Amino acid sequence: MATIRASCATCGDVEVTSREVTVRVCRDDNSGTYAFGCPTCGLTTVKDAEPRIVELLVTSGVRLVTWSLPDELFEVRQGEPIDHDDLLDFHALLQTDGWMETVHRMTPR
């Protein structure tokens, strides 16, 4: 198990083991981060990681987790953005009996 020197925003330089660090890489844009719990204060620190840092950490035995951006980011947006009045109207609708059926009727198919 490798010992890794990292930096906590509160405590400064600390040493953690490869078991205490997690690397996360996005499948869609290949951006990476690493996270660890500070052994001194216990706070979790997350930092951006360039591909060479990701590779170095993973080859040192750090666990790699991959993830994807949510599908909603790729949906086609239609219509005007909602505003404060729309939220108030929706809130009022939720206070009525049968609100779910009303929303269902309002939703285009």
PDB file of N, CA and C in Angstrom:
ATOM      1  N   MET A   1       0.840  -1.165   0.000  1.00  0.00           N
ATOM      2  CA  MET A   1       0.000   0.000   0.000  1.00  0.00           C
ATOM      3  C   MET A   1       0.895   1.240   0.000  1.00  0.00           C
ATOM      4  N   ALA A   2       0.623   2.163  -0.927  1.00  0.00           N
ATOM      5  CA  ALA A   2       1.454   3.361  -1.071  1.00  0.00           C
ATOM      6  C   ALA A   2       1.008   4.452  -0.113  1.00  0.00           C
ATOM      7  N   THR A   3       1.962   5.270   0.311  1.00  0.00           N
ATOM      8  CA  THR A   3       1.671   6.458   1.097  1.00  0.00           C
ATOM      9  C   THR A   3       1.701   7.654   0.156  1.00  0.00           C
ATOM     10  N   ILE A   4       0.661   8.485   0.256  1.00  0.00           N
ATOM     11  CA  ILE A   4       0.502   9.615  -0.664  1.00  0.00           C
ATOM     12  C   ILE A   4       0.477  10.901   0.146  1.00  0.00           C
ATOM     13  N   ARG A   5       1.254  11.878  -0.285  1.00  0.00           N
ATOM     14  CA  ARG A   5       1.234  13.191   0.349  1.00  0.00           C
ATOM     15  C   ARG A   5       0.166  14.022  -0.366  1.00  0.00           C
ATOM     16  N   ALA A   6      -0.741  14.565   0.420  1.00  0.00           N
ATOM     17  CA  ALA A   6      -1.820  15.385  -0.122  1.00  0.00           C
ATOM     18  C   ALA A   6      -1.942  16.640   0.728  1.00  0.00           C
ATOM     19  N   SER A   7      -2.798  17.546   0.308  1.00  0.00           N
ATOM     20  CA  SER A   7      -2.930  18.807   1.027  1.00  0.00           C
ATOM     21  C   SER A   7      -4.381  19.022   1.435  1.00  0.00           C
ATOM     22  N   CYS A   8      -4.594  19.186   2.729  1.00  0.00           N
ATOM     23  CA  CYS A   8      -5.911  19.505   3.290  1.00  0.00           C
ATOM     24  C   CYS A   8      -5.987  21.028   3.422  1.00  0.00           C
ATOM     25  N   ALA A   9      -7.124  21.607   3.060  1.00  0.00           N
ATOM     26  CA  ALA A   9      -7.286  23.067   3.143  1.00  0.00           C
ATOM     27  C   ALA A   9      -7.153  23.566   4.576  1.00  0.00           C
ATOM     28  N   THR A  10      -7.507  22.739   5.543  1.00  0.00           N
ATOM     29  CA  THR A  10      -7.447  23.143   6.940  1.00  0.00           C
ATOM     30  C   THR A  10      -6.100  22.814   7.574  1.00  0.00           C
ATOM     31  N   CYS A  11      -5.583  21.619   7.322  1.00  0.00           N
ATOM     32  CA  CYS A  11      -4.402  21.123   8.036  1.00  0.00           C
ATOM     33  C   CYS A  11      -3.097  21.249   7.258  1.00  0.00           C
ATOM     34  N   GLY A  12      -3.163  21.539   5.990  1.00  0.00           N
ATOM     35  CA  GLY A  12      -1.947  21.591   5.174  1.00  0.00           C
ATOM     36  C   GLY A  12      -1.565  20.203   4.684  1.00  0.00           C
ATOM     37  N   ASP A  13      -0.272  19.966   4.536  1.00  0.00           N
ATOM     38  CA  ASP A  13       0.203  18.680   4.021  1.00  0.00           C
ATOM     39  C   ASP A  13      -0.088  17.553   5.013  1.00  0.00           C
ATOM     40  N   VAL A  14      -0.656  16.472   4.471  1.00  0.00           N
ATOM     41  CA  VAL A  14      -0.942  15.276   5.266  1.00  0.00           C
ATOM     42  C   VAL A  14      -0.516  14.060   4.441  1.00  0.00           C
ATOM     43  N   GLU A  15      -0.395  12.926   5.106  1.00  0.00           N
ATOM     44  CA  GLU A  15      -0.095  11.677   4.409  1.00  0.00           C
ATOM     45  C   GLU A  15      -1.270  10.736   4.559  1.00  0.00           C
ATOM     46  N   VAL A  16      -1.683  10.165   3.439  1.00  0.00           N
ATOM     47  CA  VAL A  16      -2.772   9.189   3.407  1.00  0.00           C
ATOM     48  C   VAL A  16      -2.304   7.976   2.633  1.00  0.00           C
ATOM     49  N   THR A  17      -2.952   6.862   2.840  1.00  0.00           N
ATOM     50  CA  THR A  17      -2.601   5.652   2.090  1.00  0.00           C
ATOM     51  C   THR A  17      -3.454   5.575   0.835  1.00  0.00           C
ATOM     52  N   SER A  18      -3.008   4.760  -0.104  1.00  0.00           N
ATOM     53  CA  SER A  18      -3.763   4.596  -1.355  1.00  0.00           C
ATOM     54  C   SER A  18      -5.168   4.064  -1.086  1.00  0.00           C
ATOM     55  N   ARG A  19      -5.357   3.361   0.005  1.00  0.00           N
ATOM     56  CA  ARG A  19      -6.673   2.833   0.364  1.00  0.00           C
ATOM     57  C   ARG A  19      -7.625   3.957   0.793  1.00  0.00           C
ATOM     58  N   GLU A  20      -7.073   5.082   1.231  1.00  0.00           N
ATOM     59  CA  GLU A  20      -7.878   6.193   1.743  1.00  0.00           C
ATOM     60  C   GLU A  20      -8.225   7.243   0.681  1.00  0.00           C
ATOM     61  N   VAL A  21      -7.799   6.998  -0.552  1.00  0.00           N
ATOM     62  CA  VAL A  21      -8.013   7.950  -1.643  1.00  0.00           C
ATOM     63  C   VAL A  21      -8.885   7.289  -2.700  1.00  0.00           C
ATOM     64  N   THR A  22      -9.743   8.088  -3.326  1.00  0.00           N
ATOM     65  CA  THR A  22     -10.559   7.614  -4.443  1.00  0.00           C
ATOM     66  C   THR A  22     -10.366   8.573  -5.612  1.00  0.00           C
ATOM     67  N   VAL A  23     -10.167   8.014  -6.802  1.00  0.00           N
ATOM     68  CA  VAL A  23     -10.084   8.800  -8.033  1.00  0.00           C
ATOM     69  C   VAL A  23     -11.397   8.621  -8.784  1.00  0.00           C
ATOM     70  N   ARG A  24     -11.947   9.740  -9.261  1.00  0.00           N
ATOM     71  CA  ARG A  24     -13.176   9.706 -10.064  1.00  0.00           C
ATOM     72  C   ARG A  24     -12.888  10.327 -11.421  1.00  0.00           C
ATOM     73  N   VAL A  25     -13.291   9.617 -12.494  1.00  0.00           N
ATOM     74  CA  VAL A  25     -13.091  10.112 -13.848  1.00  0.00           C
ATOM     75  C   VAL A  25     -14.431  10.069 -14.583  1.00  0.00           C
ATOM     76  N   CYS A  26     -14.768  11.189 -15.232  1.00  0.00           N
ATOM     77  CA  CYS A  26     -16.002  11.280 -16.018  1.00  0.00           C
ATOM     78  C   CYS A  26     -15.775  10.619 -17.375  1.00  0.00           C
ATOM     79  N   ARG A  27     -16.646   9.685 -17.735  1.00  0.00           N
ATOM     80  CA  ARG A  27     -16.534   8.985 -19.023  1.00  0.00           C
ATOM     81  C   ARG A  27     -16.774   9.922 -20.204  1.00  0.00           C
ATOM     82  N   ASP A  28     -17.572  10.980 -19.990  1.00  0.00           N
ATOM     83  CA  ASP A  28     -17.974  11.842 -21.099  1.00  0.00           C
ATOM     84  C   ASP A  28     -16.912  12.875 -21.485  1.00  0.00           C
ATOM     85  N   ASP A  29     -16.241  13.471 -20.504  1.00  0.00           N
ATOM     86  CA  ASP A  29     -15.266  14.506 -20.833  1.00  0.00           C
ATOM     87  C   ASP A  29     -13.865  14.212 -20.285  1.00  0.00           C
ATOM     88  N   ASN A  30     -13.697  13.048 -19.676  1.00  0.00           N
ATOM     89  CA  ASN A  30     -12.403  12.579 -19.165  1.00  0.00           C
ATOM     90  C   ASN A  30     -11.830  13.465 -18.051  1.00  0.00           C
ATOM     91  N   SER A  31     -12.682  14.304 -17.416  1.00  0.00           N
ATOM     92  CA  SER A  31     -12.194  15.106 -16.293  1.00  0.00           C
ATOM     93  C   SER A  31     -12.033  14.205 -15.076  1.00  0.00           C
ATOM     94  N   GLY A  32     -11.054  14.529 -14.256  1.00  0.00           N
ATOM     95  CA  GLY A  32     -10.778  13.685 -13.103  1.00  0.00           C
ATOM     96  C   GLY A  32     -10.653  14.475 -11.816  1.00  0.00           C
ATOM     97  N   THR A  33     -10.961  13.821 -10.717  1.00  0.00           N
ATOM     98  CA  THR A  33     -10.770  14.368  -9.379  1.00  0.00           C
ATOM     99  C   THR A  33     -10.261  13.250  -8.480  1.00  0.00           C
ATOM    100  N   TYR A  34      -9.692  13.645  -7.353  1.00  0.00           N
ATOM    101  CA  TYR A  34      -9.397  12.658  -6.319  1.00  0.00           C
ATOM    102  C   TYR A  34      -9.912  13.196  -5.003  1.00  0.00           C
ATOM    103  N   ALA A  35     -10.274  12.280  -4.113  1.00  0.00           N
ATOM    104  CA  ALA A  35     -10.839  12.668  -2.827  1.00  0.00           C
ATOM    105  C   ALA A  35     -10.219  11.821  -1.729  1.00  0.00           C
ATOM    106  N   PHE A  36     -10.080  12.451  -0.559  1.00  0.00           N
ATOM    107  CA  PHE A  36      -9.576  11.726   0.602  1.00  0.00           C
ATOM    108  C   PHE A  36     -10.111  12.390   1.857  1.00  0.00           C
ATOM    109  N   GLY A  37     -10.207  11.603   2.908  1.00  0.00           N
ATOM    110  CA  GLY A  37     -10.557  12.130   4.212  1.00  0.00           C
ATOM    111  C   GLY A  37      -9.287  12.489   4.945  1.00  0.00           C
ATOM    112  N   CYS A  38      -9.222  13.713   5.462  1.00  0.00           N
ATOM    113  CA  CYS A  38      -8.021  14.151   6.165  1.00  0.00           C
ATOM    114  C   CYS A  38      -7.858  13.331   7.443  1.00  0.00           C
ATOM    115  N   PRO A  39      -6.685  12.735   7.643  1.00  0.00           N
ATOM    116  CA  PRO A  39      -6.472  11.930   8.844  1.00  0.00           C
ATOM    117  C   PRO A  39      -6.405  12.782  10.127  1.00  0.00           C
ATOM    118  N   THR A  40      -6.219  14.082   9.985  1.00  0.00           N
ATOM    119  CA  THR A  40      -6.117  14.961  11.149  1.00  0.00           C
ATOM    120  C   THR A  40      -7.466  15.532  11.557  1.00  0.00           C
ATOM    121  N   CYS A  41      -8.161  16.186  10.602  1.00  0.00           N
ATOM    122  CA  CYS A  41      -9.430  16.854  10.946  1.00  0.00           C
ATOM    123  C   CYS A  41     -10.667  16.068  10.513  1.00  0.00           C
ATOM    124  N   GLY A  42     -10.494  15.088   9.634  1.00  0.00           N
ATOM    125  CA  GLY A  42     -11.622  14.262   9.198  1.00  0.00           C
ATOM    126  C   GLY A  42     -12.422  14.824   8.043  1.00  0.00           C
ATOM    127  N   LEU A  43     -12.134  16.052   7.613  1.00  0.00           N
ATOM    128  CA  LEU A  43     -12.879  16.633   6.497  1.00  0.00           C
ATOM    129  C   LEU A  43     -12.489  15.968   5.185  1.00  0.00           C
ATOM    130  N   THR A  44     -13.455  15.822   4.290  1.00  0.00           N
ATOM    131  CA  THR A  44     -13.177  15.265   2.974  1.00  0.00           C
ATOM    132  C   THR A  44     -12.698  16.384   2.061  1.00  0.00           C
ATOM    133  N   THR A  45     -11.607  16.115   1.365  1.00  0.00           N
ATOM    134  CA  THR A  45     -11.056  17.063   0.409  1.00  0.00           C
ATOM    135  C   THR A  45     -11.182  16.461  -0.977  1.00  0.00           C
ATOM    136  N   VAL A  46     -11.648  17.271  -1.931  1.00  0.00           N
ATOM    137  CA  VAL A  46     -11.751  16.850  -3.327  1.00  0.00           C
ATOM    138  C   VAL A  46     -10.949  17.841  -4.160  1.00  0.00           C
ATOM    139  N   LYS A  47     -10.096  17.319  -5.018  1.00  0.00           N
ATOM    140  CA  LYS A  47      -9.254  18.170  -5.863  1.00  0.00           C
ATOM    141  C   LYS A  47      -9.309  17.686  -7.305  1.00  0.00           C
ATOM    142  N   ASP A  48      -9.188  18.641  -8.240  1.00  0.00           N
ATOM    143  CA  ASP A  48      -9.081  18.293  -9.650  1.00  0.00           C
ATOM    144  C   ASP A  48      -7.796  17.517  -9.884  1.00  0.00           C
ATOM    145  N   ALA A  49      -7.837  16.614 -10.861  1.00  0.00           N
ATOM    146  CA  ALA A  49      -6.653  15.808 -11.176  1.00  0.00           C
ATOM    147  C   ALA A  49      -6.480  15.723 -12.685  1.00  0.00           C
ATOM    148  N   GLU A  50      -5.334  16.181 -13.144  1.00  0.00           N
ATOM    149  CA  GLU A  50      -4.974  16.047 -14.554  1.00  0.00           C
ATOM    150  C   GLU A  50      -4.792  14.558 -14.867  1.00  0.00           C
ATOM    151  N   PRO A  51      -4.900  14.181 -16.149  1.00  0.00           N
ATOM    152  CA  PRO A  51      -4.752  12.759 -16.509  1.00  0.00           C
ATOM    153  C   PRO A  51      -3.472  12.103 -15.976  1.00  0.00           C
ATOM    154  N   ARG A  52      -2.360  12.836 -15.944  1.00  0.00           N
ATOM    155  CA  ARG A  52      -1.116  12.227 -15.447  1.00  0.00           C
ATOM    156  C   ARG A  52      -1.205  11.941 -13.949  1.00  0.00           C
ATOM    157  N   ILE A  53      -1.910  12.779 -13.188  1.00  0.00           N
ATOM    158  CA  ILE A  53      -2.105  12.543 -11.754  1.00  0.00           C
ATOM    159  C   ILE A  53      -3.033  11.354 -11.553  1.00  0.00           C
ATOM    160  N   VAL A  54      -4.094  11.273 -12.363  1.00  0.00           N
ATOM    161  CA  VAL A  54      -5.010  10.123 -12.290  1.00  0.00           C
ATOM    162  C   VAL A  54      -4.232   8.844 -12.518  1.00  0.00           C
ATOM    163  N   GLU A  55      -3.412   8.818 -13.563  1.00  0.00           N
ATOM    164  CA  GLU A  55      -2.631   7.623 -13.880  1.00  0.00           C
ATOM    165  C   GLU A  55      -1.671   7.271 -12.745  1.00  0.00           C
ATOM    166  N   LEU A  56      -0.998   8.262 -12.206  1.00  0.00           N
ATOM    167  CA  LEU A  56      -0.053   8.034 -11.111  1.00  0.00           C
ATOM    168  C   LEU A  56      -0.761   7.459  -9.883  1.00  0.00           C
ATOM    169  N   LEU A  57      -1.911   8.031  -9.531  1.00  0.00           N
ATOM    170  CA  LEU A  57      -2.649   7.543  -8.358  1.00  0.00           C
ATOM    171  C   LEU A  57      -3.169   6.125  -8.577  1.00  0.00           C
ATOM    172  N   VAL A  58      -3.725   5.862  -9.746  1.00  0.00           N
ATOM    173  CA  VAL A  58      -4.279   4.531 -10.018  1.00  0.00           C
ATOM    174  C   VAL A  58      -3.181   3.474 -10.034  1.00  0.00           C
ATOM    175  N   THR A  59      -2.032   3.803 -10.627  1.00  0.00           N
ATOM    176  CA  THR A  59      -0.938   2.825 -10.617  1.00  0.00           C
ATOM    177  C   THR A  59      -0.362   2.639  -9.216  1.00  0.00           C
ATOM    178  N   SER A  60      -0.650   3.571  -8.309  1.00  0.00           N
ATOM    179  CA  SER A  60      -0.214   3.433  -6.912  1.00  0.00           C
ATOM    180  C   SER A  60      -1.216   2.642  -6.077  1.00  0.00           C
ATOM    181  N   GLY A  61      -2.293   2.189  -6.714  1.00  0.00           N
ATOM    182  CA  GLY A  61      -3.263   1.361  -6.011  1.00  0.00           C
ATOM    183  C   GLY A  61      -4.513   2.073  -5.546  1.00  0.00           C
ATOM    184  N   VAL A  62      -4.693   3.332  -5.977  1.00  0.00           N
ATOM    185  CA  VAL A  62      -5.896   4.071  -5.607  1.00  0.00           C
ATOM    186  C   VAL A  62      -7.076   3.546  -6.423  1.00  0.00           C
ATOM    187  N   ARG A  63      -8.218   3.423  -5.748  1.00  0.00           N
ATOM    188  CA  ARG A  63      -9.440   2.927  -6.393  1.00  0.00           C
ATOM    189  C   ARG A  63      -9.950   3.946  -7.408  1.00  0.00           C
ATOM    190  N   LEU A  64     -10.300   3.460  -8.608  1.00  0.00           N
ATOM    191  CA  LEU A  64     -10.819   4.295  -9.688  1.00  0.00           C
ATOM    192  C   LEU A  64     -12.317   4.080  -9.819  1.00  0.00           C
ATOM    193  N   VAL A  65     -13.059   5.182  -9.827  1.00  0.00           N
ATOM    194  CA  VAL A  65     -14.502   5.146 -10.037  1.00  0.00           C
ATOM    195  C   VAL A  65     -14.793   5.989 -11.269  1.00  0.00           C
ATOM    196  N   THR A  66     -15.537   5.436 -12.219  1.00  0.00           N
ATOM    197  CA  THR A  66     -15.939   6.212 -13.391  1.00  0.00           C
ATOM    198  C   THR A  66     -17.409   6.558 -13.274  1.00  0.00           C
ATOM    199  N   TRP A  67     -17.789   7.671 -13.874  1.00  0.00           N
ATOM    200  CA  TRP A  67     -19.173   8.133 -13.813  1.00  0.00           C
ATOM    201  C   TRP A  67     -19.498   8.852 -15.122  1.00  0.00           C
ATOM    202  N   SER A  68     -20.778   9.080 -15.342  1.00  0.00           N
ATOM    203  CA  SER A  68     -21.236   9.761 -16.558  1.00  0.00           C
ATOM    204  C   SER A  68     -22.062  10.985 -16.188  1.00  0.00           C
ATOM    205  N   LEU A  69     -22.026  11.970 -17.079  1.00  0.00           N
ATOM    206  CA  LEU A  69     -22.875  13.137 -16.895  1.00  0.00           C
ATOM    207  C   LEU A  69     -24.334  12.711 -16.991  1.00  0.00           C
ATOM    208  N   PRO A  70     -25.247  13.383 -16.290  1.00  0.00           N
ATOM    209  CA  PRO A  70     -26.660  12.993 -16.356  1.00  0.00           C
ATOM    210  C   PRO A  70     -27.227  13.200 -17.759  1.00  0.00           C
ATOM    211  N   ASP A  71     -28.100  12.301 -18.176  1.00  0.00           N
ATOM    212  CA  ASP A  71     -28.711  12.361 -19.506  1.00  0.00           C
ATOM    213  C   ASP A  71     -29.455  13.679 -19.732  1.00  0.00           C
ATOM    214  N   GLU A  72     -29.962  14.279 -18.661  1.00  0.00           N
ATOM    215  CA  GLU A  72     -30.733  15.517 -18.792  1.00  0.00           C
ATOM    216  C   GLU A  72     -29.912  16.637 -19.430  1.00  0.00           C
ATOM    217  N   LEU A  73     -28.602  16.596 -19.291  1.00  0.00           N
ATOM    218  CA  LEU A  73     -27.760  17.624 -19.899  1.00  0.00           C
ATOM    219  C   LEU A  73     -27.799  17.580 -21.419  1.00  0.00           C
ATOM    220  N   PHE A  74     -28.159  16.435 -21.977  1.00  0.00           N
ATOM    221  CA  PHE A  74     -28.161  16.271 -23.419  1.00  0.00           C
ATOM    222  C   PHE A  74     -29.557  16.365 -24.026  1.00  0.00           C
ATOM    223  N   GLU A  75     -30.574  16.608 -23.200  1.00  0.00           N
ATOM    224  CA  GLU A  75     -31.939  16.722 -23.702  1.00  0.00           C
ATOM    225  C   GLU A  75     -32.113  18.035 -24.465  1.00  0.00           C
ATOM    226  N   VAL A  76     -32.967  17.999 -25.487  1.00  0.00           N
ATOM    227  CA  VAL A  76     -33.301  19.201 -26.237  1.00  0.00           C
ATOM    228  C   VAL A  76     -34.242  20.044 -25.382  1.00  0.00           C
ATOM    229  N   ARG A  77     -33.885  21.298 -25.194  1.00  0.00           N
ATOM    230  CA  ARG A  77     -34.718  22.195 -24.388  1.00  0.00           C
ATOM    231  C   ARG A  77     -35.707  22.903 -25.299  1.00  0.00           C
ATOM    232  N   GLN A  78     -36.980  22.926 -24.875  1.00  0.00           N
ATOM    233  CA  GLN A  78     -38.018  23.580 -25.651  1.00  0.00           C
ATOM    234  C   GLN A  78     -38.768  24.552 -24.761  1.00  0.00           C
ATOM    235  N   GLY A  79     -39.285  25.593 -25.356  1.00  0.00           N
ATOM    236  CA  GLY A  79     -40.116  26.533 -24.623  1.00  0.00           C
ATOM    237  C   GLY A  79     -39.309  27.510 -23.794  1.00  0.00           C
ATOM    238  N   GLU A  80     -40.048  28.386 -23.140  1.00  0.00           N
ATOM    239  CA  GLU A  80     -39.441  29.409 -22.302  1.00  0.00           C
ATOM    240  C   GLU A  80     -38.998  28.802 -20.973  1.00  0.00           C
ATOM    241  N   PRO A  81     -37.949  29.337 -20.383  1.00  0.00           N
ATOM    242  CA  PRO A  81     -37.553  28.881 -19.040  1.00  0.00           C
ATOM    243  C   PRO A  81     -38.652  29.215 -18.033  1.00  0.00           C
ATOM    244  N   ILE A  82     -38.759  28.407 -16.982  1.00  0.00           N
ATOM    245  CA  ILE A  82     -39.751  28.705 -15.958  1.00  0.00           C
ATOM    246  C   ILE A  82     -39.301  29.928 -15.164  1.00  0.00           C
ATOM    247  N   ASP A  83     -40.279  30.637 -14.614  1.00  0.00           N
ATOM    248  CA  ASP A  83     -39.957  31.814 -13.809  1.00  0.00           C
ATOM    249  C   ASP A  83     -40.630  31.685 -12.442  1.00  0.00           C
ATOM    250  N   HIS A  84     -40.500  32.711 -11.637  1.00  0.00           N
ATOM    251  CA  HIS A  84     -41.033  32.691 -10.276  1.00  0.00           C
ATOM    252  C   HIS A  84     -42.552  32.464 -10.265  1.00  0.00           C
ATOM    253  N   ASP A  85     -43.255  33.112 -11.181  1.00  0.00           N
ATOM    254  CA  ASP A  85     -44.713  32.943 -11.253  1.00  0.00           C
ATOM    255  C   ASP A  85     -45.094  31.502 -11.580  1.00  0.00           C
ATOM    256  N   ASP A  86     -44.321  30.867 -12.463  1.00  0.00           N
ATOM    257  CA  ASP A  86     -44.582  29.459 -12.787  1.00  0.00           C
ATOM    258  C   ASP A  86     -44.437  28.585 -11.538  1.00  0.00           C
ATOM    259  N   LEU A  87     -43.421  28.856 -10.725  1.00  0.00           N
ATOM    260  CA  LEU A  87     -43.224  28.084  -9.494  1.00  0.00           C
ATOM    261  C   LEU A  87     -44.379  28.290  -8.520  1.00  0.00           C
ATOM    262  N   LEU A  88     -44.841  29.533  -8.401  1.00  0.00           N
ATOM    263  CA  LEU A  88     -45.990  29.807  -7.516  1.00  0.00           C
ATOM    264  C   LEU A  88     -47.238  29.091  -8.012  1.00  0.00           C
ATOM    265  N   ASP A  89     -47.476  29.112  -9.331  1.00  0.00           N
ATOM    266  CA  ASP A  89     -48.624  28.411  -9.901  1.00  0.00           C
ATOM    267  C   ASP A  89     -48.532  26.911  -9.630  1.00  0.00           C
ATOM    268  N   PHE A  90     -47.359  26.351  -9.792  1.00  0.00           N
ATOM    269  CA  PHE A  90     -47.176  24.916  -9.554  1.00  0.00           C
ATOM    270  C   PHE A  90     -47.392  24.597  -8.083  1.00  0.00           C
ATOM    271  N   HIS A  91     -46.880  25.437  -7.208  1.00  0.00           N
ATOM    272  CA  HIS A  91     -47.084  25.238  -5.769  1.00  0.00           C
ATOM    273  C   HIS A  91     -48.574  25.242  -5.437  1.00  0.00           C
ATOM    274  N   ALA A  92     -49.308  26.184  -6.000  1.00  0.00           N
ATOM    275  CA  ALA A  92     -50.759  26.247  -5.761  1.00  0.00           C
ATOM    276  C   ALA A  92     -51.434  24.998  -6.302  1.00  0.00           C
ATOM    277  N   LEU A  93     -51.018  24.516  -7.468  1.00  0.00           N
ATOM    278  CA  LEU A  93     -51.597  23.300  -8.045  1.00  0.00           C
ATOM    279  C   LEU A  93     -51.369  22.104  -7.129  1.00  0.00           C
ATOM    280  N   LEU A  94     -50.186  22.008  -6.520  1.00  0.00           N
ATOM    281  CA  LEU A  94     -49.887  20.878  -5.638  1.00  0.00           C
ATOM    282  C   LEU A  94     -50.772  20.853  -4.395  1.00  0.00           C
ATOM    283  N   GLN A  95     -51.396  21.972  -4.063  1.00  0.00           N
ATOM    284  CA  GLN A  95     -52.270  22.044  -2.890  1.00  0.00           C
ATOM    285  C   GLN A  95     -53.690  21.550  -3.183  1.00  0.00           C
ATOM    286  N   THR A  96     -53.980  21.235  -4.443  1.00  0.00           N
ATOM    287  CA  THR A  96     -55.330  20.800  -4.821  1.00  0.00           C
ATOM    288  C   THR A  96     -55.424  19.285  -4.874  1.00  0.00           C
ATOM    289  N   ASP A  97     -56.656  18.792  -4.687  1.00  0.00           N
ATOM    290  CA  ASP A  97     -56.904  17.361  -4.882  1.00  0.00           C
ATOM    291  C   ASP A  97     -56.828  17.075  -6.377  1.00  0.00           C
ATOM    292  N   GLY A  98     -56.268  15.950  -6.756  1.00  0.00           N
ATOM    293  CA  GLY A  98     -56.201  15.556  -8.158  1.00  0.00           C
ATOM    294  C   GLY A  98     -55.126  16.290  -8.946  1.00  0.00           C
ATOM    295  N   TRP A  99     -54.137  16.842  -8.252  1.00  0.00           N
ATOM    296  CA  TRP A  99     -53.094  17.593  -8.950  1.00  0.00           C
ATOM    297  C   TRP A  99     -52.324  16.728  -9.944  1.00  0.00           C
ATOM    298  N   MET A 100     -52.152  15.448  -9.603  1.00  0.00           N
ATOM    299  CA  MET A 100     -51.392  14.566 -10.493  1.00  0.00           C
ATOM    300  C   MET A 100     -52.122  14.366 -11.819  1.00  0.00           C
ATOM    301  N   GLU A 101     -53.423  14.192 -11.758  1.00  0.00           N
ATOM    302  CA  GLU A 101     -54.198  14.037 -12.989  1.00  0.00           C
ATOM    303  C   GLU A 101     -54.145  15.309 -13.830  1.00  0.00           C
ATOM    304  N   THR A 102     -54.174  16.467 -13.170  1.00  0.00           N
ATOM    305  CA  THR A 102     -54.078  17.744 -13.882  1.00  0.00           C
ATOM    306  C   THR A 102     -52.735  17.867 -14.589  1.00  0.00           C
ATOM    307  N   VAL A 103     -51.670  17.526 -13.900  1.00  0.00           N
ATOM    308  CA  VAL A 103     -50.338  17.576 -14.523  1.00  0.00           C
ATOM    309  C   VAL A 103     -50.258  16.606 -15.686  1.00  0.00           C
ATOM    310  N   HIS A 104     -50.844  15.428 -15.517  1.00  0.00           N
ATOM    311  CA  HIS A 104     -50.831  14.427 -16.588  1.00  0.00           C
ATOM    312  C   HIS A 104     -51.554  14.972 -17.833  1.00  0.00           C
ATOM    313  N   ARG A 105     -52.690  15.633 -17.638  1.00  0.00           N
ATOM    314  CA  ARG A 105     -53.435  16.202 -18.775  1.00  0.00           C
ATOM    315  C   ARG A 105     -52.644  17.336 -19.447  1.00  0.00           C
ATOM    316  N   MET A 106     -51.848  18.070 -18.680  1.00  0.00           N
ATOM    317  CA  MET A 106     -51.092  19.213 -19.205  1.00  0.00           C
ATOM    318  C   MET A 106     -49.828  18.779 -19.946  1.00  0.00           C
ATOM    319  N   THR A 107     -49.382  17.565 -19.730  1.00  0.00           N
ATOM    320  CA  THR A 107     -48.116  17.100 -20.295  1.00  0.00           C
ATOM    321  C   THR A 107     -48.340  16.569 -21.703  1.00  0.00           C
ATOM    322  N   PRO A 108     -47.637  17.158 -22.696  1.00  0.00           N
ATOM    323  CA  PRO A 108     -47.784  16.651 -24.076  1.00  0.00           C
ATOM    324  C   PRO A 108     -47.213  15.247 -24.210  1.00  0.00           C
ATOM    325  N   ARG A 109     -47.802  14.490 -25.074  1.00  0.00           N
ATOM    326  CA  ARG A 109     -47.328  13.126 -25.312  1.00  0.00           C
ATOM    327  C   ARG A 109     -46.674  13.017 -26.648  1.00  0.00           C
TER     328      ARG A 109
END
